[in-house]
PDB file of N, CA and C in Angstrom:
ATOM      1  N   MET A   1     -16.899  24.223  -3.168  1.00  0.00           N
ATOM      2  CA  MET A   1     -17.565  23.503  -4.214  1.00  0.00           C
ATOM      3  C   MET A   1     -17.240  22.015  -4.070  1.00  0.00           C
ATOM      4  N   GLU A   2     -18.244  21.190  -3.989  1.00  0.00           N
ATOM      5  CA  GLU A   2     -18.041  19.754  -3.906  1.00  0.00           C
ATOM      6  C   GLU A   2     -17.882  19.177  -5.300  1.00  0.00           C
ATOM      7  N   VAL A   3     -16.949  18.279  -5.455  1.00  0.00           N
ATOM      8  CA  VAL A   3     -16.748  17.589  -6.710  1.00  0.00           C
ATOM      9  C   VAL A   3     -17.052  16.126  -6.479  1.00  0.00           C
ATOM     10  N   HIS A   4     -17.929  15.562  -7.284  1.00  0.00           N
ATOM     11  CA  HIS A   4     -18.301  14.158  -7.153  1.00  0.00           C
ATOM     12  C   HIS A   4     -17.670  13.351  -8.270  1.00  0.00           C
ATOM     13  N   VAL A   5     -17.134  12.211  -7.925  1.00  0.00           N
ATOM     14  CA  VAL A   5     -16.560  11.283  -8.895  1.00  0.00           C
ATOM     15  C   VAL A   5     -17.357   9.990  -8.777  1.00  0.00           C
ATOM     16  N   ASN A   6     -18.268   9.805  -9.698  1.00  0.00           N
ATOM     17  CA  ASN A   6     -19.132   8.610  -9.697  1.00  0.00           C
ATOM     18  C   ASN A   6     -19.724   8.329  -8.315  1.00  0.00           C
ATOM     19  N   GLY A   7     -20.314   9.327  -7.711  1.00  0.00           N
ATOM     20  CA  GLY A   7     -20.985   9.148  -6.433  1.00  0.00           C
ATOM     21  C   GLY A   7     -20.114   9.358  -5.208  1.00  0.00           C
ATOM     22  N   LEU A   8     -18.799   9.426  -5.368  1.00  0.00           N
ATOM     23  CA  LEU A   8     -17.920   9.691  -4.227  1.00  0.00           C
ATOM     24  C   LEU A   8     -17.510  11.156  -4.256  1.00  0.00           C
ATOM     25  N   ARG A   9     -17.729  11.823  -3.138  1.00  0.00           N
ATOM     26  CA  ARG A   9     -17.372  13.236  -3.022  1.00  0.00           C
ATOM     27  C   ARG A   9     -15.883  13.350  -2.751  1.00  0.00           C
ATOM     28  N   ASN A  10     -15.200  14.210  -3.518  1.00  0.00           N
ATOM     29  CA  ASN A  10     -13.799  14.487  -3.228  1.00  0.00           C
ATOM     30  C   ASN A  10     -13.723  15.094  -1.837  1.00  0.00           C
ATOM     31  N   GLY A  11     -12.821  14.584  -1.032  1.00  0.00           N
ATOM     32  CA  GLY A  11     -12.729  15.026   0.348  1.00  0.00           C
ATOM     33  C   GLY A  11     -13.531  14.136   1.284  1.00  0.00           C
ATOM     34  N   VAL A  12     -14.054  13.035   0.759  1.00  0.00           N
ATOM     35  CA  VAL A  12     -14.803  12.093   1.585  1.00  0.00           C
ATOM     36  C   VAL A  12     -13.889  11.609   2.717  1.00  0.00           C
ATOM     37  N   PRO A  13     -14.395  11.433   3.933  1.00  0.00           N
ATOM     38  CA  PRO A  13     -13.542  10.917   5.007  1.00  0.00           C
ATOM     39  C   PRO A  13     -12.940   9.571   4.606  1.00  0.00           C
ATOM     40  N   ALA A  14     -11.626   9.479   4.619  1.00  0.00           N
ATOM     41  CA  ALA A  14     -10.931   8.277   4.172  1.00  0.00           C
ATOM     42  C   ALA A  14     -11.385   7.040   4.946  1.00  0.00           C
ATOM     43  N   ALA A  15     -11.686   7.214   6.215  1.00  0.00           N
ATOM     44  CA  ALA A  15     -12.081   6.080   7.058  1.00  0.00           C
ATOM     45  C   ALA A  15     -13.426   5.487   6.636  1.00  0.00           C
ATOM     46  N   THR A  16     -14.221   6.211   5.864  1.00  0.00           N
ATOM     47  CA  THR A  16     -15.521   5.692   5.442  1.00  0.00           C
ATOM     48  C   THR A  16     -15.428   4.823   4.198  1.00  0.00           C
ATOM     49  N   LEU A  17     -14.253   4.791   3.566  1.00  0.00           N
ATOM     50  CA  LEU A  17     -14.079   3.966   2.372  1.00  0.00           C
ATOM     51  C   LEU A  17     -13.667   2.550   2.788  1.00  0.00           C
ATOM     52  N   ASP A  18     -14.367   1.569   2.273  1.00  0.00           N
ATOM     53  CA  ASP A  18     -14.058   0.174   2.583  1.00  0.00           C
ATOM     54  C   ASP A  18     -13.028  -0.314   1.570  1.00  0.00           C
ATOM     55  N   VAL A  19     -11.758   0.057   1.809  1.00  0.00           N
ATOM     56  CA  VAL A  19     -10.671  -0.225   0.872  1.00  0.00           C
ATOM     57  C   VAL A  19      -9.427  -0.668   1.633  1.00  0.00           C
ATOM     58  N   LYS A  20      -8.478  -1.210   0.894  1.00  0.00           N
ATOM     59  CA  LYS A  20      -7.172  -1.556   1.467  1.00  0.00           C
ATOM     60  C   LYS A  20      -6.191  -0.492   0.999  1.00  0.00           C
ATOM     61  N   TRP A  21      -5.687   0.306   1.923  1.00  0.00           N
ATOM     62  CA  TRP A  21      -4.742   1.367   1.613  1.00  0.00           C
ATOM     63  C   TRP A  21      -3.343   0.785   1.451  1.00  0.00           C
ATOM     64  N   VAL A  22      -2.595   1.291   0.486  1.00  0.00           N
ATOM     65  CA  VAL A  22      -1.220   0.850   0.254  1.00  0.00           C
ATOM     66  C   VAL A  22      -0.320   2.078   0.148  1.00  0.00           C
ATOM     67  N   LYS A  23       0.961   1.871   0.478  1.00  0.00           N
ATOM     68  CA  LYS A  23       1.936   2.944   0.322  1.00  0.00           C
ATOM     69  C   LYS A  23       3.210   2.368  -0.257  1.00  0.00           C
ATOM     70  N   SER A  24       4.053   3.213  -0.715  1.00  0.00           N
ATOM     71  CA  SER A  24       5.299   2.796  -1.341  1.00  0.00           C
ATOM     72  C   SER A  24       6.196   2.071  -0.350  1.00  0.00           C
ATOM     73  N   ALA A  25       6.903   1.075  -0.852  1.00  0.00           N
ATOM     74  CA  ALA A  25       7.897   0.386  -0.031  1.00  0.00           C
ATOM     75  C   ALA A  25       9.043   1.320   0.337  1.00  0.00           C
ATOM     76  N   MET A  26       9.165   2.428  -0.365  1.00  0.00           N
ATOM     77  CA  MET A  26      10.208   3.411  -0.093  1.00  0.00           C
ATOM     78  C   MET A  26       9.843   4.343   1.063  1.00  0.00           C
ATOM     79  N   SER A  27       8.638   4.234   1.584  1.00  0.00           N
ATOM     80  CA  SER A  27       8.191   5.105   2.673  1.00  0.00           C
ATOM     81  C   SER A  27       8.982   4.819   3.935  1.00  0.00           C
ATOM     82  N   SER A  28       9.300   5.874   4.661  1.00  0.00           N
ATOM     83  CA  SER A  28      10.027   5.704   5.922  1.00  0.00           C
ATOM     84  C   SER A  28       9.040   5.374   7.031  1.00  0.00           C
ATOM     85  N   GLY A  29       9.551   5.016   8.177  1.00  0.00           N
ATOM     86  CA  GLY A  29       8.716   4.710   9.326  1.00  0.00           C
ATOM     87  C   GLY A  29       8.207   5.942  10.037  1.00  0.00           C
ATOM     88  N   ALA A  30       8.516   7.132   9.515  1.00  0.00           N
ATOM     89  CA  ALA A  30       8.118   8.378  10.168  1.00  0.00           C
ATOM     90  C   ALA A  30       6.652   8.730   9.924  1.00  0.00           C
ATOM     91  N   GLY A  31       5.965   7.951   9.079  1.00  0.00           N
ATOM     92  CA  GLY A  31       4.551   8.191   8.843  1.00  0.00           C
ATOM     93  C   GLY A  31       4.249   9.307   7.864  1.00  0.00           C
ATOM     94  N   GLN A  32       5.253   9.794   7.171  1.00  0.00           N
ATOM     95  CA  GLN A  32       5.039  10.886   6.221  1.00  0.00           C
ATOM     96  C   GLN A  32       4.850  10.302   4.827  1.00  0.00           C
ATOM     97  N   CYS A  33       3.693   9.699   4.615  1.00  0.00           N
ATOM     98  CA  CYS A  33       3.456   8.975   3.375  1.00  0.00           C
ATOM     99  C   CYS A  33       2.105   9.352   2.781  1.00  0.00           C
ATOM    100  N   VAL A  34       2.022   9.131   1.501  1.00  0.00           N
ATOM    101  CA  VAL A  34       0.752   9.195   0.810  1.00  0.00           C
ATOM    102  C   VAL A  34       0.332   7.752   0.596  1.00  0.00           C
ATOM    103  N   GLU A  35      -0.906   7.452   0.904  1.00  0.00           N
ATOM    104  CA  GLU A  35      -1.430   6.104   0.701  1.00  0.00           C
ATOM    105  C   GLU A  35      -2.495   6.150  -0.389  1.00  0.00           C
ATOM    106  N   LEU A  36      -2.556   5.086  -1.164  1.00  0.00           N
ATOM    107  CA  LEU A  36      -3.514   4.988  -2.254  1.00  0.00           C
ATOM    108  C   LEU A  36      -4.370   3.751  -2.070  1.00  0.00           C
ATOM    109  N   ALA A  37      -5.563   3.799  -2.646  1.00  0.00           N
ATOM    110  CA  ALA A  37      -6.460   2.646  -2.588  1.00  0.00           C
ATOM    111  C   ALA A  37      -7.223   2.544  -3.901  1.00  0.00           C
ATOM    112  N   PRO A  38      -7.326   1.327  -4.431  1.00  0.00           N
ATOM    113  CA  PRO A  38      -8.124   1.144  -5.637  1.00  0.00           C
ATOM    114  C   PRO A  38      -9.605   1.230  -5.314  1.00  0.00           C
ATOM    115  N   LEU A  39     -10.347   1.817  -6.232  1.00  0.00           N
ATOM    116  CA  LEU A  39     -11.797   1.933  -6.113  1.00  0.00           C
ATOM    117  C   LEU A  39     -12.433   1.299  -7.350  1.00  0.00           C
ATOM    118  N   PRO A  40     -13.733   1.072  -7.335  1.00  0.00           N
ATOM    119  CA  PRO A  40     -14.393   0.507  -8.509  1.00  0.00           C
ATOM    120  C   PRO A  40     -14.164   1.353  -9.772  1.00  0.00           C
ATOM    121  N   GLU A  41     -14.228   0.697 -10.907  1.00  0.00           N
ATOM    122  CA  GLU A  41     -14.142   1.341 -12.221  1.00  0.00           C
ATOM    123  C   GLU A  41     -12.794   2.020 -12.457  1.00  0.00           C
ATOM    124  N   GLY A  42     -11.732   1.516 -11.825  1.00  0.00           N
ATOM    125  CA  GLY A  42     -10.400   2.049 -12.061  1.00  0.00           C
ATOM    126  C   GLY A  42     -10.072   3.334 -11.338  1.00  0.00           C
ATOM    127  N   ARG A  43     -10.991   3.824 -10.516  1.00  0.00           N
ATOM    128  CA  ARG A  43     -10.716   5.045  -9.761  1.00  0.00           C
ATOM    129  C   ARG A  43      -9.704   4.759  -8.660  1.00  0.00           C
ATOM    130  N   VAL A  44      -9.069   5.817  -8.156  1.00  0.00           N
ATOM    131  CA  VAL A  44      -8.053   5.682  -7.116  1.00  0.00           C
ATOM    132  C   VAL A  44      -8.280   6.771  -6.068  1.00  0.00           C
ATOM    133  N   ALA A  45      -8.167   6.386  -4.798  1.00  0.00           N
ATOM    134  CA  ALA A  45      -8.276   7.344  -3.694  1.00  0.00           C
ATOM    135  C   ALA A  45      -6.886   7.568  -3.110  1.00  0.00           C
ATOM    136  N   PHE A  46      -6.599   8.804  -2.719  1.00  0.00           N
ATOM    137  CA  PHE A  46      -5.340   9.189  -2.065  1.00  0.00           C
ATOM    138  C   PHE A  46      -5.676   9.706  -0.671  1.00  0.00           C
ATOM    139  N   ARG A  47      -4.810   9.418   0.301  1.00  0.00           N
ATOM    140  CA  ARG A  47      -4.958  10.024   1.625  1.00  0.00           C
ATOM    141  C   ARG A  47      -3.568  10.257   2.208  1.00  0.00           C
ATOM    142  N   ASN A  48      -3.510  11.122   3.197  1.00  0.00           N
ATOM    143  CA  ASN A  48      -2.283  11.407   3.933  1.00  0.00           C
ATOM    144  C   ASN A  48      -2.188  10.411   5.079  1.00  0.00           C
ATOM    145  N   SER A  49      -1.095   9.656   5.153  1.00  0.00           N
ATOM    146  CA  SER A  49      -0.987   8.627   6.192  1.00  0.00           C
ATOM    147  C   SER A  49      -0.949   9.202   7.601  1.00  0.00           C
ATOM    148  N   THR A  50      -0.577  10.463   7.737  1.00  0.00           N
ATOM    149  CA  THR A  50      -0.546  11.075   9.064  1.00  0.00           C
ATOM    150  C   THR A  50      -1.939  11.489   9.526  1.00  0.00           C
ATOM    151  N   ASP A  51      -2.920  11.399   8.630  1.00  0.00           N
ATOM    152  CA  ASP A  51      -4.301  11.752   8.958  1.00  0.00           C
ATOM    153  C   ASP A  51      -5.237  10.705   8.348  1.00  0.00           C
ATOM    154  N   PRO A  52      -5.172   9.442   8.819  1.00  0.00           N
ATOM    155  CA  PRO A  52      -5.951   8.380   8.197  1.00  0.00           C
ATOM    156  C   PRO A  52      -7.464   8.555   8.292  1.00  0.00           C
ATOM    157  N   GLU A  53      -7.917   9.375   9.196  1.00  0.00           N
ATOM    158  CA  GLU A  53      -9.353   9.654   9.315  1.00  0.00           C
ATOM    159  C   GLU A  53      -9.753  10.860   8.460  1.00  0.00           C
ATOM    160  N   GLY A  54      -8.753  11.561   7.934  1.00  0.00           N
ATOM    161  CA  GLY A  54      -8.996  12.784   7.184  1.00  0.00           C
ATOM    162  C   GLY A  54      -9.559  12.549   5.794  1.00  0.00           C
ATOM    163  N   PRO A  55      -9.518  13.577   4.959  1.00  0.00           N
ATOM    164  CA  PRO A  55     -10.141  13.490   3.642  1.00  0.00           C
ATOM    165  C   PRO A  55      -9.334  12.649   2.657  1.00  0.00           C
ATOM    166  N   ALA A  56     -10.058  12.065   1.720  1.00  0.00           N
ATOM    167  CA  ALA A  56      -9.432  11.336   0.610  1.00  0.00           C
ATOM    168  C   ALA A  56      -9.773  12.070  -0.680  1.00  0.00           C
ATOM    169  N   LEU A  57      -8.798  12.170  -1.545  1.00  0.00           N
ATOM    170  CA  LEU A  57      -9.030  12.698  -2.878  1.00  0.00           C
ATOM    171  C   LEU A  57      -9.286  11.520  -3.801  1.00  0.00           C
ATOM    172  N   VAL A  58     -10.310  11.624  -4.628  1.00  0.00           N
ATOM    173  CA  VAL A  58     -10.721  10.536  -5.507  1.00  0.00           C
ATOM    174  C   VAL A  58     -10.487  10.961  -6.949  1.00  0.00           C
ATOM    175  N   PHE A  59      -9.783  10.110  -7.698  1.00  0.00           N
ATOM    176  CA  PHE A  59      -9.451  10.418  -9.081  1.00  0.00           C
ATOM    177  C   PHE A  59      -9.987   9.350 -10.018  1.00  0.00           C
ATOM    178  N   GLU A  60     -10.459   9.782 -11.174  1.00  0.00           N
ATOM    179  CA  GLU A  60     -10.878   8.860 -12.238  1.00  0.00           C
ATOM    180  C   GLU A  60      -9.651   8.130 -12.763  1.00  0.00           C
ATOM    181  N   ALA A  61      -9.848   6.998 -13.408  1.00  0.00           N
ATOM    182  CA  ALA A  61      -8.744   6.197 -13.943  1.00  0.00           C
ATOM    183  C   ALA A  61      -7.873   7.021 -14.893  1.00  0.00           C
ATOM    184  N   GLY A  62      -8.469   7.797 -15.778  1.00  0.00           N
ATOM    185  CA  GLY A  62      -7.703   8.606 -16.724  1.00  0.00           C
ATOM    186  C   GLY A  62      -6.875   9.677 -16.045  1.00  0.00           C
ATOM    187  N   GLU A  63      -7.421  10.268 -15.002  1.00  0.00           N
ATOM    188  CA  GLU A  63      -6.674  11.274 -14.244  1.00  0.00           C
ATOM    189  C   GLU A  63      -5.463  10.642 -13.563  1.00  0.00           C
ATOM    190  N   PHE A  64      -5.666   9.468 -12.974  1.00  0.00           N
ATOM    191  CA  PHE A  64      -4.567   8.783 -12.300  1.00  0.00           C
ATOM    192  C   PHE A  64      -3.508   8.348 -13.311  1.00  0.00           C
ATOM    193  N   ASP A  65      -3.945   7.847 -14.456  1.00  0.00           N
ATOM    194  CA  ASP A  65      -2.994   7.467 -15.507  1.00  0.00           C
ATOM    195  C   ASP A  65      -2.150   8.662 -15.953  1.00  0.00           C
ATOM    196  N   ALA A  66      -2.781   9.824 -16.105  1.00  0.00           N
ATOM    197  CA  ALA A  66      -2.047  11.025 -16.511  1.00  0.00           C
ATOM    198  C   ALA A  66      -1.045  11.437 -15.433  1.00  0.00           C
ATOM    199  N   PHE A  67      -1.436  11.305 -14.167  1.00  0.00           N
ATOM    200  CA  PHE A  67      -0.520  11.626 -13.070  1.00  0.00           C
ATOM    201  C   PHE A  67       0.687  10.686 -13.098  1.00  0.00           C
ATOM    202  N   LEU A  68       0.434   9.374 -13.201  1.00  0.00           N
ATOM    203  CA  LEU A  68       1.540   8.415 -13.236  1.00  0.00           C
ATOM    204  C   LEU A  68       2.468   8.666 -14.415  1.00  0.00           C
ATOM    205  N   ASP A  69       1.910   9.021 -15.555  1.00  0.00           N
ATOM    206  CA  ASP A  69       2.728   9.333 -16.719  1.00  0.00           C
ATOM    207  C   ASP A  69       3.639  10.525 -16.418  1.00  0.00           C
ATOM    208  N   GLY A  70       3.098  11.551 -15.761  1.00  0.00           N
ATOM    209  CA  GLY A  70       3.903  12.708 -15.387  1.00  0.00           C
ATOM    210  C   GLY A  70       5.007  12.358 -14.412  1.00  0.00           C
ATOM    211  N   VAL A  71       4.711  11.463 -13.468  1.00  0.00           N
ATOM    212  CA  VAL A  71       5.735  11.019 -12.513  1.00  0.00           C
ATOM    213  C   VAL A  71       6.850  10.295 -13.256  1.00  0.00           C
ATOM    214  N   LYS A  72       6.467   9.400 -14.151  1.00  0.00           N
ATOM    215  CA  LYS A  72       7.464   8.627 -14.899  1.00  0.00           C
ATOM    216  C   LYS A  72       8.330   9.516 -15.790  1.00  0.00           C
ATOM    217  N   ARG A  73       7.780  10.651 -16.225  1.00  0.00           N
ATOM    218  CA  ARG A  73       8.522  11.585 -17.083  1.00  0.00           C
ATOM    219  C   ARG A  73       9.277  12.639 -16.258  1.00  0.00           C
ATOM    220  N   ASN A  74       9.282  12.474 -14.934  1.00  0.00           N
ATOM    221  CA  ASN A  74       9.985  13.393 -14.025  1.00  0.00           C
ATOM    222  C   ASN A  74       9.425  14.810 -14.036  1.00  0.00           C
ATOM    223  N   GLU A  75       8.164  14.972 -14.402  1.00  0.00           N
ATOM    224  CA  GLU A  75       7.563  16.298 -14.497  1.00  0.00           C
ATOM    225  C   GLU A  75       7.347  16.967 -13.152  1.00  0.00           C
ATOM    226  N   PHE A  76       7.413  16.188 -12.066  1.00  0.00           N
ATOM    227  CA  PHE A  76       7.150  16.747 -10.744  1.00  0.00           C
ATOM    228  C   PHE A  76       8.401  16.794  -9.874  1.00  0.00           C
ATOM    229  N   ASP A  77       9.548  16.439 -10.435  1.00  0.00           N
ATOM    230  CA  ASP A  77      10.781  16.403  -9.658  1.00  0.00           C
ATOM    231  C   ASP A  77      11.104  17.735  -8.989  1.00  0.00           C
ATOM    232  N   HIS A  78      10.716  18.835  -9.619  1.00  0.00           N
ATOM    233  CA  HIS A  78      11.010  20.156  -9.044  1.00  0.00           C
ATOM    234  C   HIS A  78      10.253  20.393  -7.738  1.00  0.00           C
ATOM    235  N   LEU A  79       9.247  19.552  -7.448  1.00  0.00           N
ATOM    236  CA  LEU A  79       8.491  19.691  -6.221  1.00  0.00           C
ATOM    237  C   LEU A  79       9.120  18.928  -5.050  1.00  0.00           C
ATOM    238  N   CYS A  80      10.086  18.074  -5.344  1.00  0.00           N
ATOM    239  CA  CYS A  80      10.733  17.260  -4.310  1.00  0.00           C
ATOM    240  C   CYS A  80      11.766  18.072  -3.540  1.00  0.00           C
ATOM    241  N   ALA A  81      11.840  17.760  -2.260  1.00  0.00           N
ATOM    242  CA  ALA A  81      12.837  18.439  -1.403  1.00  0.00           C
ATOM    243  C   ALA A  81      13.991  17.488  -1.166  1.00  0.00           C
ATOM    244  N   PHE A  82      14.732  17.182  -2.235  1.00  0.00           N
ATOM    245  CA  PHE A  82      15.864  16.292  -2.055  1.00  0.00           C
ATOM    246  C   PHE A  82      17.144  16.987  -2.203  1.00  0.00           C
TER     247      PHE A  82
END
């Protein structure tokens, strides 16, 4: 099932987006990073840095805000392998 976010299909090839990808300063040089890019209307695209030509997930501004809130509240810490 394809999901469209304001005309962008989730899973769109990341290389087709005309954006500047950014990653955390905490990322290691091993290339195991998630990169994000701002999109119009507050949307955000995510991609795997080890597959820059691969798919990008596109999130609405509210979805991204909810995710960041969960990160700040440590709701995803159980998923970390530390």
